[in-house]
């Protein structure tokens, strides 16, 4: 279980990339387009794992998707009070609160 918690950020990034790749061939994009796409996916993953007080890094058209995914995964409900600490701290301090989130992320 601890191993799964520490890899939540990485797992979130890979899942966002997989969702974005559906229907889009990576080889059809130019080098700059692939770089921009990867940057956008990393920004979306960072927005999923950020505290609600921080600003968005992703493009504005992705904000509604980020908000719906955060609600679906129950990240804010699992954390409770953020206390200016990162998500990884809360995962390690109270792992039992993230069981539902980890179950949703499991294939």
Protein backbone atom coordinates (compact mmCIF):
# COMPACT_ATOMS: atom_id res chain seq x y z
CA UNK A 1 0.00 0.00 0.00
CA UNK A 2 2.81 2.44 0.86
CA UNK A 3 4.40 1.78 -2.51
CA UNK A 4 1.14 2.70 -4.27
CA UNK A 5 0.82 5.92 -2.30
CA UNK A 6 4.31 7.13 -3.15
CA UNK A 7 3.69 6.56 -6.84
CA UNK A 8 0.36 8.41 -6.96
CA UNK A 9 1.84 11.44 -8.68
CA UNK A 10 3.60 9.32 -11.29
CA UNK A 11 0.51 7.17 -11.77
CA UNK A 12 -1.64 10.26 -12.22
CA UNK A 13 0.71 11.62 -14.88
CA UNK A 14 0.74 8.34 -16.82
CA UNK A 15 -3.04 8.02 -16.65
CA UNK A 16 -3.50 11.58 -17.92
CA UNK A 17 -1.12 10.80 -20.77
CA UNK A 18 -3.04 7.62 -21.62
CA UNK A 19 -6.35 9.48 -21.68
CA UNK A 20 -4.89 12.16 -23.90
CA UNK A 21 -3.37 9.64 -26.31
CA UNK A 22 -6.70 8.05 -27.15
CA UNK A 23 -7.43 8.94 -30.73
CA UNK A 24 -4.19 10.87 -31.25
CA UNK A 25 -1.18 9.26 -32.85
CA UNK A 26 2.00 10.58 -31.26
CA UNK A 27 4.01 10.01 -34.44
CA UNK A 28 1.66 12.33 -36.35
CA UNK A 29 2.79 15.30 -34.26
CA UNK A 30 5.87 17.38 -34.91
CA UNK A 31 8.65 17.55 -32.35
CA UNK A 32 7.45 20.91 -30.99
CA UNK A 33 3.84 19.69 -30.84
CA UNK A 34 4.89 16.59 -28.88
CA UNK A 35 6.90 18.73 -26.47
CA UNK A 36 4.00 21.15 -25.97
CA UNK A 37 1.57 18.28 -25.50
CA UNK A 38 3.79 16.61 -22.92
CA UNK A 39 4.19 19.92 -21.08
CA UNK A 40 0.42 20.39 -21.03
CA UNK A 41 -0.09 16.85 -19.69
CA UNK A 42 2.44 17.43 -16.93
CA UNK A 43 0.68 20.68 -16.01
CA UNK A 44 -2.67 18.88 -15.85
CA UNK A 45 -1.19 16.17 -13.61
CA UNK A 46 0.32 18.85 -11.35
CA UNK A 47 -3.09 20.55 -11.13
CA UNK A 48 -4.68 17.27 -10.06
CA UNK A 49 -2.20 16.96 -7.18
CA UNK A 50 -2.04 20.59 -6.08
CA UNK A 51 -3.75 22.10 -3.06
CA UNK A 52 -6.98 24.02 -3.81
CA UNK A 53 -5.39 27.33 -2.77
CA UNK A 54 -2.71 27.21 -5.47
CA UNK A 55 -3.32 28.54 -8.96
CA UNK A 56 -3.74 26.37 -12.03
CA UNK A 57 -0.74 25.62 -14.21
CA UNK A 58 -2.68 23.97 -17.03
CA UNK A 59 -4.40 25.82 -19.88
CA UNK A 60 -7.84 27.29 -19.06
CA UNK A 61 -9.69 24.79 -21.27
CA UNK A 62 -8.47 21.96 -18.99
CA UNK A 63 -9.62 23.51 -15.70
CA UNK A 64 -13.13 22.04 -15.80
CA UNK A 65 -11.73 18.54 -16.46
CA UNK A 66 -9.26 18.90 -13.59
CA UNK A 67 -12.04 19.99 -11.25
CA UNK A 68 -14.29 17.09 -12.25
CA UNK A 69 -11.46 14.55 -11.82
CA UNK A 70 -10.53 15.95 -8.41
CA UNK A 71 -14.16 15.59 -7.37
CA UNK A 72 -14.44 12.08 -8.84
CA UNK A 73 -11.29 10.92 -7.07
CA UNK A 74 -12.26 12.70 -3.86
CA UNK A 75 -8.81 14.20 -3.33
CA UNK A 76 -9.95 17.26 -1.36
CA UNK A 77 -12.31 15.20 0.78
CA UNK A 78 -9.56 12.69 1.56
CA UNK A 79 -7.05 15.36 2.52
CA UNK A 80 -9.40 17.45 4.62
CA UNK A 81 -7.38 20.48 5.79
CA UNK A 82 -4.30 20.99 3.59
CA UNK A 83 -2.30 23.09 6.14
CA UNK A 84 0.07 24.25 3.34
CA UNK A 85 1.47 20.74 2.95
CA UNK A 86 1.82 18.75 -0.29
CA UNK A 87 -0.35 15.81 -1.24
CA UNK A 88 2.47 13.34 -0.62
CA UNK A 89 2.61 14.39 3.04
CA UNK A 90 -1.09 13.67 3.46
CA UNK A 91 -0.72 10.33 1.67
CA UNK A 92 1.95 9.27 4.13
CA UNK A 93 0.29 10.73 7.23
CA UNK A 94 -3.23 9.35 6.65
CA UNK A 95 -3.13 6.57 4.06
CA UNK A 96 -6.50 5.15 5.09
CA UNK A 97 -8.24 8.26 3.75
CA UNK A 98 -7.00 7.53 0.22
CA UNK A 99 -8.24 3.94 -0.14
CA UNK A 100 -11.15 4.98 -2.35
CA UNK A 101 -8.89 7.13 -4.52
CA UNK A 102 -6.38 4.32 -4.95
CA UNK A 103 -9.17 1.87 -5.77
CA UNK A 104 -10.42 4.21 -8.51
CA UNK A 105 -6.91 4.49 -9.94
CA UNK A 106 -6.32 0.74 -9.95
CA UNK A 107 -6.85 -0.93 -13.31
